[in-house]
Amino acid sequence: MKAIIQRVRCASVTVDEHCVGNIENGVLAYIGLGHDDTLQTPQRMIDKILNYRIFENTDDPNKLGKLDKSVQQVGGGLLLVSQFTLMAKTDKGRRPDFGGAMAPEAAQALFAQLVDYAKTQHPNVATGQFGANMQVESVNDGPLNFLLEV
């Protein structure tokens, strides 16, 4: 499993001109599921995302400006967007190979479990729509982007 996480001031997902998920100040996470992922993999990824320290410390005068706070600590939102293209192999040729991505039906079920788990761990979770053509808008804060793998 891979995730690209972005610290954002705001982010939203629109499907067929209807907003299906949005957050203010938090983390936008694109999630890619691979063949070897199990039920434990999404739980580890969500725990990592929620506790990854990418927000500046504004409380401690000795740590001002340091990336010392997690999205949970700052009370930010978490927007989860399924993105199978993260699992593409790009090391050869000029066309991505999506053979490493989990099959859509299995991925949809595992992504739903990931979202359910995230909602038990954090009060402000929004999502895109699995398998839909989504328009994602965000204001990246920093910009700060990280590739996480579990």
N, C-alpha and C. Protein backbone atom coordinates (compact mmCIF):
# COMPACT_ATOMS: atom_id res chain seq x y z
N MET A 1 0.84 -1.17 0.00
CA MET A 1 0.00 0.00 0.00
C MET A 1 0.88 1.23 0.00
N LYS A 2 0.47 2.19 -0.79
CA LYS A 2 1.16 3.46 -0.86
C LYS A 2 0.16 4.58 -0.63
N ALA A 3 0.66 5.68 -0.10
CA ALA A 3 -0.17 6.87 0.06
C ALA A 3 0.68 8.10 -0.23
N ILE A 4 0.12 9.02 -0.95
CA ILE A 4 0.71 10.34 -1.07
C ILE A 4 -0.15 11.23 -0.18
N ILE A 5 0.50 11.85 0.79
CA ILE A 5 -0.24 12.73 1.69
C ILE A 5 0.22 14.16 1.46
N GLN A 6 -0.73 15.07 1.55
CA GLN A 6 -0.46 16.49 1.37
C GLN A 6 -1.06 17.25 2.55
N ARG A 7 -0.28 18.15 3.11
CA ARG A 7 -0.84 19.06 4.11
C ARG A 7 -1.58 20.14 3.34
N VAL A 8 -2.87 20.30 3.64
CA VAL A 8 -3.69 21.22 2.86
C VAL A 8 -4.41 22.22 3.78
N ARG A 9 -4.70 23.37 3.20
CA ARG A 9 -5.56 24.35 3.87
C ARG A 9 -7.02 23.99 3.66
N CYS A 10 -7.30 23.39 2.49
CA CYS A 10 -8.64 22.89 2.19
C CYS A 10 -8.52 21.92 1.02
N ALA A 11 -9.48 21.02 0.92
CA ALA A 11 -9.51 20.07 -0.18
C ALA A 11 -10.93 19.56 -0.35
N SER A 12 -11.28 19.24 -1.60
CA SER A 12 -12.62 18.72 -1.87
C SER A 12 -12.57 17.77 -3.06
N VAL A 13 -13.58 16.89 -3.11
CA VAL A 13 -13.74 15.95 -4.21
C VAL A 13 -15.14 16.14 -4.78
N THR A 14 -15.19 16.29 -6.10
CA THR A 14 -16.46 16.47 -6.79
C THR A 14 -16.65 15.33 -7.79
N VAL A 15 -17.86 14.79 -7.83
CA VAL A 15 -18.24 13.75 -8.79
C VAL A 15 -19.54 14.20 -9.44
N ASP A 16 -19.57 14.26 -10.76
CA ASP A 16 -20.76 14.69 -11.48
C ASP A 16 -21.31 16.01 -10.94
N GLU A 17 -20.42 16.96 -10.73
CA GLU A 17 -20.75 18.31 -10.28
C GLU A 17 -21.34 18.38 -8.87
N HIS A 18 -21.20 17.30 -8.08
CA HIS A 18 -21.66 17.28 -6.69
C HIS A 18 -20.47 17.02 -5.77
N CYS A 19 -20.30 17.85 -4.76
CA CYS A 19 -19.23 17.66 -3.80
C CYS A 19 -19.55 16.42 -2.96
N VAL A 20 -18.64 15.45 -2.95
CA VAL A 20 -18.86 14.22 -2.18
C VAL A 20 -18.01 14.17 -0.93
N GLY A 21 -17.02 15.04 -0.81
CA GLY A 21 -16.18 15.10 0.37
C GLY A 21 -15.35 16.35 0.39
N ASN A 22 -15.20 16.94 1.58
CA ASN A 22 -14.35 18.12 1.70
C ASN A 22 -13.85 18.28 3.12
N ILE A 23 -12.71 18.94 3.25
CA ILE A 23 -12.12 19.23 4.56
C ILE A 23 -11.51 20.62 4.53
N GLU A 24 -11.31 21.15 5.69
CA GLU A 24 -10.53 22.37 5.89
C GLU A 24 -9.28 21.95 6.66
N ASN A 25 -8.18 22.64 6.51
CA ASN A 25 -6.96 22.42 7.27
C ASN A 25 -6.76 20.97 7.70
N GLY A 26 -5.95 20.25 6.96
CA GLY A 26 -5.72 18.86 7.32
C GLY A 26 -4.85 18.15 6.32
N VAL A 27 -5.20 16.88 6.05
CA VAL A 27 -4.40 16.02 5.17
C VAL A 27 -5.29 15.45 4.07
N LEU A 28 -4.84 15.62 2.85
CA LEU A 28 -5.42 14.96 1.69
C LEU A 28 -4.54 13.75 1.42
N ALA A 29 -5.13 12.55 1.42
CA ALA A 29 -4.37 11.32 1.24
C ALA A 29 -4.89 10.54 0.04
N TYR A 30 -4.02 10.35 -0.94
CA TYR A 30 -4.32 9.48 -2.08
C TYR A 30 -3.82 8.09 -1.71
N ILE A 31 -4.69 7.08 -1.80
CA ILE A 31 -4.37 5.73 -1.34
C ILE A 31 -4.33 4.76 -2.51
N GLY A 32 -3.22 4.02 -2.63
CA GLY A 32 -3.08 2.98 -3.65
C GLY A 32 -2.98 1.62 -2.98
N LEU A 33 -3.82 0.68 -3.40
CA LEU A 33 -3.84 -0.66 -2.83
C LEU A 33 -3.20 -1.65 -3.80
N GLY A 34 -2.33 -2.52 -3.24
CA GLY A 34 -1.64 -3.51 -4.06
C GLY A 34 -2.09 -4.92 -3.74
N HIS A 35 -1.63 -5.87 -4.54
CA HIS A 35 -2.03 -7.28 -4.42
C HIS A 35 -1.76 -7.87 -3.04
N ASP A 36 -0.70 -7.47 -2.39
CA ASP A 36 -0.31 -8.08 -1.12
C ASP A 36 -0.96 -7.43 0.09
N ASP A 37 -1.77 -6.43 -0.09
CA ASP A 37 -2.37 -5.75 1.05
C ASP A 37 -3.44 -6.61 1.70
N THR A 38 -3.47 -6.56 3.02
CA THR A 38 -4.45 -7.31 3.82
C THR A 38 -5.21 -6.33 4.70
N LEU A 39 -6.10 -6.82 5.52
CA LEU A 39 -6.88 -5.96 6.41
C LEU A 39 -5.98 -5.17 7.35
N GLN A 40 -4.85 -5.73 7.75
CA GLN A 40 -3.94 -5.03 8.67
C GLN A 40 -3.22 -3.88 7.98
N THR A 41 -3.01 -3.98 6.68
CA THR A 41 -2.26 -2.95 5.96
C THR A 41 -2.95 -1.59 6.03
N PRO A 42 -4.26 -1.50 5.76
CA PRO A 42 -4.91 -0.19 5.86
C PRO A 42 -4.89 0.38 7.28
N GLN A 43 -5.00 -0.48 8.27
CA GLN A 43 -4.96 0.00 9.65
C GLN A 43 -3.60 0.62 9.96
N ARG A 44 -2.53 -0.05 9.52
CA ARG A 44 -1.19 0.51 9.74
C ARG A 44 -1.02 1.83 9.00
N MET A 45 -1.56 1.90 7.77
CA MET A 45 -1.43 3.14 6.98
C MET A 45 -2.19 4.28 7.64
N ILE A 46 -3.42 4.03 8.06
CA ILE A 46 -4.20 5.09 8.72
C ILE A 46 -3.50 5.55 9.99
N ASP A 47 -3.01 4.62 10.79
CA ASP A 47 -2.29 5.00 12.00
C ASP A 47 -1.07 5.87 11.67
N LYS A 48 -0.38 5.52 10.59
CA LYS A 48 0.80 6.30 10.18
C LYS A 48 0.39 7.69 9.72
N ILE A 49 -0.64 7.76 8.89
CA ILE A 49 -1.10 9.07 8.39
C ILE A 49 -1.56 9.97 9.53
N LEU A 50 -2.36 9.43 10.43
CA LEU A 50 -2.92 10.24 11.51
C LEU A 50 -1.86 10.72 12.49
N ASN A 51 -0.74 10.00 12.59
CA ASN A 51 0.29 10.36 13.56
C ASN A 51 1.56 10.93 12.93
N TYR A 52 1.57 11.07 11.60
CA TYR A 52 2.73 11.61 10.90
C TYR A 52 2.81 13.11 11.19
N ARG A 53 3.96 13.55 11.67
CA ARG A 53 4.10 14.93 12.13
C ARG A 53 4.49 15.85 10.97
N ILE A 54 3.47 16.51 10.38
CA ILE A 54 3.71 17.40 9.25
C ILE A 54 3.13 18.81 9.48
N PHE A 55 2.71 19.07 10.71
CA PHE A 55 2.19 20.39 11.06
C PHE A 55 3.16 21.07 12.02
N GLU A 56 3.28 22.37 11.86
CA GLU A 56 4.23 23.12 12.66
C GLU A 56 3.77 23.26 14.10
N ASN A 57 4.73 23.23 15.00
CA ASN A 57 4.46 23.44 16.41
C ASN A 57 4.33 24.95 16.65
N THR A 58 3.20 25.35 17.14
CA THR A 58 2.97 26.76 17.44
C THR A 58 2.83 27.00 18.94
N ASP A 59 2.97 25.94 19.73
CA ASP A 59 2.77 26.05 21.18
C ASP A 59 4.06 26.22 21.95
N ASP A 60 5.07 25.46 21.63
CA ASP A 60 6.33 25.44 22.37
C ASP A 60 7.30 26.44 21.74
N PRO A 61 7.72 27.47 22.50
CA PRO A 61 8.64 28.48 21.95
C PRO A 61 9.96 27.89 21.45
N ASN A 62 10.38 26.76 22.02
CA ASN A 62 11.64 26.13 21.61
C ASN A 62 11.48 25.31 20.32
N LYS A 63 10.24 25.06 19.90
CA LYS A 63 10.00 24.24 18.72
C LYS A 63 9.19 24.97 17.65
N LEU A 64 9.08 26.28 17.75
CA LEU A 64 8.31 27.04 16.77
C LEU A 64 8.81 26.78 15.36
N GLY A 65 7.89 26.49 14.47
CA GLY A 65 8.23 26.26 13.08
C GLY A 65 8.65 24.84 12.75
N LYS A 66 8.90 24.00 13.74
CA LYS A 66 9.30 22.63 13.49
C LYS A 66 8.07 21.78 13.18
N LEU A 67 8.23 20.82 12.27
CA LEU A 67 7.15 19.90 11.96
C LEU A 67 7.05 18.91 13.11
N ASP A 68 6.18 19.22 14.05
CA ASP A 68 6.15 18.50 15.32
C ASP A 68 4.75 18.02 15.71
N LYS A 69 3.75 18.32 14.88
CA LYS A 69 2.36 17.97 15.23
C LYS A 69 1.74 17.13 14.12
N SER A 70 0.86 16.23 14.53
CA SER A 70 0.13 15.39 13.57
C SER A 70 -1.24 16.00 13.30
N VAL A 71 -1.92 15.45 12.30
CA VAL A 71 -3.27 15.93 11.98
C VAL A 71 -4.21 15.70 13.17
N GLN A 72 -3.99 14.63 13.92
CA GLN A 72 -4.81 14.40 15.11
C GLN A 72 -4.56 15.48 16.15
N GLN A 73 -3.30 15.84 16.34
CA GLN A 73 -2.96 16.83 17.37
C GLN A 73 -3.48 18.22 17.03
N VAL A 74 -3.58 18.54 15.75
CA VAL A 74 -4.08 19.87 15.38
C VAL A 74 -5.59 19.86 15.12
N GLY A 75 -6.22 18.68 15.20
CA GLY A 75 -7.66 18.59 14.99
C GLY A 75 -8.07 18.85 13.55
N GLY A 76 -7.21 18.50 12.60
CA GLY A 76 -7.49 18.74 11.19
C GLY A 76 -8.34 17.66 10.57
N GLY A 77 -8.74 17.88 9.34
CA GLY A 77 -9.53 16.92 8.59
C GLY A 77 -8.65 15.93 7.84
N LEU A 78 -9.25 14.81 7.46
CA LEU A 78 -8.58 13.80 6.66
C LEU A 78 -9.48 13.46 5.48
N LEU A 79 -8.99 13.71 4.27
CA LEU A 79 -9.74 13.39 3.05
C LEU A 79 -9.03 12.24 2.36
N LEU A 80 -9.71 11.09 2.26
CA LEU A 80 -9.15 9.87 1.68
C LEU A 80 -9.68 9.68 0.26
N VAL A 81 -8.76 9.50 -0.70
CA VAL A 81 -9.13 9.33 -2.09
C VAL A 81 -8.42 8.09 -2.63
N SER A 82 -9.19 7.12 -3.08
CA SER A 82 -8.61 5.91 -3.66
C SER A 82 -7.98 6.25 -5.01
N GLN A 83 -6.74 5.77 -5.22
CA GLN A 83 -6.06 6.07 -6.47
C GLN A 83 -5.16 4.90 -6.86
N PHE A 84 -5.69 4.01 -7.70
CA PHE A 84 -4.95 2.82 -8.10
C PHE A 84 -3.68 3.15 -8.88
N THR A 85 -3.61 4.32 -9.48
CA THR A 85 -2.45 4.67 -10.30
C THR A 85 -1.17 4.78 -9.47
N LEU A 86 -1.29 4.91 -8.16
CA LEU A 86 -0.09 4.95 -7.30
C LEU A 86 0.67 3.64 -7.36
N MET A 87 -0.01 2.56 -7.72
CA MET A 87 0.63 1.24 -7.75
C MET A 87 1.29 0.94 -9.11
N ALA A 88 1.26 1.89 -10.03
CA ALA A 88 1.83 1.68 -11.36
C ALA A 88 3.33 1.49 -11.30
N LYS A 89 3.81 0.61 -12.15
CA LYS A 89 5.26 0.46 -12.34
C LYS A 89 5.64 1.40 -13.48
N THR A 90 6.63 2.24 -13.23
CA THR A 90 7.00 3.25 -14.22
C THR A 90 8.48 3.20 -14.59
N ASP A 91 9.16 2.13 -14.18
CA ASP A 91 10.60 2.07 -14.38
C ASP A 91 11.01 1.71 -15.81
N LYS A 92 10.09 1.16 -16.59
CA LYS A 92 10.44 0.76 -17.95
C LYS A 92 9.41 1.32 -18.93
N GLY A 93 9.89 1.69 -20.09
CA GLY A 93 8.99 2.13 -21.15
C GLY A 93 8.38 3.50 -20.91
N ARG A 94 7.35 3.78 -21.70
CA ARG A 94 6.69 5.09 -21.66
C ARG A 94 5.22 4.99 -21.30
N ARG A 95 4.81 3.84 -20.84
CA ARG A 95 3.42 3.65 -20.45
C ARG A 95 3.39 2.98 -19.09
N PRO A 96 2.58 3.47 -18.16
CA PRO A 96 2.53 2.84 -16.83
C PRO A 96 1.94 1.44 -16.90
N ASP A 97 2.46 0.56 -16.03
CA ASP A 97 1.98 -0.81 -15.91
C ASP A 97 1.19 -0.91 -14.61
N PHE A 98 -0.12 -1.12 -14.71
CA PHE A 98 -0.96 -1.14 -13.53
C PHE A 98 -1.16 -2.54 -12.95
N GLY A 99 -0.32 -3.49 -13.37
CA GLY A 99 -0.44 -4.87 -12.90
C GLY A 99 -0.26 -5.03 -11.41
N GLY A 100 0.36 -4.08 -10.74
CA GLY A 100 0.57 -4.17 -9.29
C GLY A 100 -0.61 -3.73 -8.46
N ALA A 101 -1.61 -3.15 -9.11
CA ALA A 101 -2.79 -2.67 -8.37
C ALA A 101 -3.73 -3.82 -8.06
N MET A 102 -4.37 -3.73 -6.92
CA MET A 102 -5.35 -4.73 -6.51
C MET A 102 -6.55 -4.67 -7.46
N ALA A 103 -7.18 -5.81 -7.70
CA ALA A 103 -8.38 -5.86 -8.56
C ALA A 103 -9.46 -4.95 -7.97
N PRO A 104 -10.25 -4.29 -8.83
CA PRO A 104 -11.21 -3.29 -8.36
C PRO A 104 -12.18 -3.76 -7.27
N GLU A 105 -12.77 -4.95 -7.41
CA GLU A 105 -13.74 -5.40 -6.40
C GLU A 105 -13.09 -5.58 -5.04
N ALA A 106 -11.94 -6.23 -5.01
CA ALA A 106 -11.22 -6.43 -3.74
C ALA A 106 -10.75 -5.09 -3.18
N ALA A 107 -10.27 -4.22 -4.06
CA ALA A 107 -9.78 -2.91 -3.62
C ALA A 107 -10.91 -2.07 -3.03
N GLN A 108 -12.09 -2.14 -3.63
CA GLN A 108 -13.23 -1.37 -3.12
C GLN A 108 -13.59 -1.82 -1.70
N ALA A 109 -13.60 -3.12 -1.48
CA ALA A 109 -13.92 -3.65 -0.15
C ALA A 109 -12.84 -3.26 0.87
N LEU A 110 -11.57 -3.35 0.48
CA LEU A 110 -10.49 -3.00 1.40
C LEU A 110 -10.45 -1.50 1.66
N PHE A 111 -10.72 -0.70 0.64
CA PHE A 111 -10.76 0.75 0.83
C PHE A 111 -11.90 1.12 1.79
N ALA A 112 -13.04 0.47 1.67
CA ALA A 112 -14.17 0.72 2.57
C ALA A 112 -13.78 0.38 4.02
N GLN A 113 -13.02 -0.69 4.20
CA GLN A 113 -12.56 -1.05 5.54
C GLN A 113 -11.57 -0.02 6.07
N LEU A 114 -10.72 0.50 5.18
CA LEU A 114 -9.78 1.55 5.55
C LEU A 114 -10.53 2.79 6.03
N VAL A 115 -11.55 3.17 5.30
CA VAL A 115 -12.34 4.35 5.67
C VAL A 115 -13.06 4.12 6.99
N ASP A 116 -13.65 2.95 7.15
CA ASP A 116 -14.34 2.64 8.41
C ASP A 116 -13.38 2.71 9.59
N TYR A 117 -12.18 2.15 9.43
CA TYR A 117 -11.18 2.20 10.49
C TYR A 117 -10.78 3.65 10.78
N ALA A 118 -10.55 4.43 9.73
CA ALA A 118 -10.16 5.84 9.92
C ALA A 118 -11.21 6.58 10.73
N LYS A 119 -12.48 6.30 10.46
CA LYS A 119 -13.56 6.98 11.18
C LYS A 119 -13.64 6.60 12.64
N THR A 120 -13.12 5.42 12.99
CA THR A 120 -13.07 5.04 14.41
C THR A 120 -11.90 5.70 15.12
N GLN A 121 -10.91 6.17 14.36
CA GLN A 121 -9.71 6.75 14.94
C GLN A 121 -9.66 8.27 14.91
N HIS A 122 -10.50 8.88 14.08
CA HIS A 122 -10.42 10.33 13.89
C HIS A 122 -11.83 10.87 13.61
N PRO A 123 -12.20 11.99 14.21
CA PRO A 123 -13.58 12.48 14.08
C PRO A 123 -13.92 13.17 12.76
N ASN A 124 -12.91 13.60 11.99
CA ASN A 124 -13.18 14.40 10.80
C ASN A 124 -12.59 13.71 9.57
N VAL A 125 -13.34 12.74 9.01
CA VAL A 125 -12.87 11.97 7.86
C VAL A 125 -13.88 12.14 6.72
N ALA A 126 -13.37 12.45 5.54
CA ALA A 126 -14.20 12.55 4.34
C ALA A 126 -13.53 11.69 3.27
N THR A 127 -14.30 11.36 2.21
CA THR A 127 -13.75 10.51 1.15
C THR A 127 -14.21 11.00 -0.21
N GLY A 128 -13.52 10.46 -1.21
CA GLY A 128 -13.98 10.59 -2.57
C GLY A 128 -14.98 9.47 -2.83
N GLN A 129 -15.18 9.13 -4.08
CA GLN A 129 -16.09 8.05 -4.45
C GLN A 129 -15.30 7.00 -5.22
N PHE A 130 -15.19 5.82 -4.67
CA PHE A 130 -14.37 4.77 -5.27
C PHE A 130 -14.79 4.51 -6.71
N GLY A 131 -13.81 4.46 -7.61
CA GLY A 131 -14.05 4.11 -9.00
C GLY A 131 -14.65 5.20 -9.86
N ALA A 132 -14.99 6.32 -9.27
CA ALA A 132 -15.62 7.41 -10.03
C ALA A 132 -14.55 8.30 -10.67
N ASN A 133 -14.96 9.05 -11.68
CA ASN A 133 -14.12 10.10 -12.24
C ASN A 133 -14.27 11.29 -11.29
N MET A 134 -13.24 11.53 -10.51
CA MET A 134 -13.30 12.55 -9.46
C MET A 134 -12.48 13.78 -9.86
N GLN A 135 -12.98 14.93 -9.51
CA GLN A 135 -12.22 16.16 -9.63
C GLN A 135 -11.82 16.54 -8.20
N VAL A 136 -10.51 16.57 -7.98
CA VAL A 136 -9.98 16.87 -6.66
C VAL A 136 -9.38 18.26 -6.68
N GLU A 137 -9.83 19.09 -5.77
CA GLU A 137 -9.26 20.44 -5.63
C GLU A 137 -8.63 20.55 -4.26
N SER A 138 -7.47 21.21 -4.21
CA SER A 138 -6.83 21.39 -2.92
C SER A 138 -5.94 22.62 -2.94
N VAL A 139 -5.74 23.17 -1.77
CA VAL A 139 -4.76 24.23 -1.57
C VAL A 139 -3.69 23.61 -0.68
N ASN A 140 -2.58 23.23 -1.32
CA ASN A 140 -1.48 22.59 -0.61
C ASN A 140 -0.79 23.62 0.26
N ASP A 141 -0.59 23.29 1.52
CA ASP A 141 0.00 24.21 2.49
C ASP A 141 1.48 23.88 2.65
N GLY A 142 2.33 24.70 2.07
CA GLY A 142 3.76 24.50 2.20
C GLY A 142 4.51 24.82 0.92
N PRO A 143 4.42 24.02 -0.08
CA PRO A 143 3.73 22.74 -0.18
C PRO A 143 4.48 21.64 0.56
N LEU A 144 3.72 20.75 1.16
CA LEU A 144 4.28 19.57 1.83
C LEU A 144 3.59 18.33 1.28
N ASN A 145 4.37 17.43 0.69
CA ASN A 145 3.86 16.16 0.14
C ASN A 145 4.81 15.06 0.57
N PHE A 146 4.26 13.92 0.96
CA PHE A 146 5.08 12.79 1.37
C PHE A 146 4.52 11.51 0.78
N LEU A 147 5.41 10.61 0.38
CA LEU A 147 5.03 9.29 -0.07
C LEU A 147 5.23 8.33 1.10
N LEU A 148 4.15 7.69 1.53
CA LEU A 148 4.22 6.73 2.63
C LEU A 148 3.97 5.34 2.08
N GLU A 149 4.67 4.36 2.61
CA GLU A 149 4.46 2.97 2.23
C GLU A 149 4.42 2.12 3.48
N VAL A 150 3.54 1.12 3.47
CA VAL A 150 3.50 0.14 4.57
C VAL A 150 3.39 -1.25 3.98
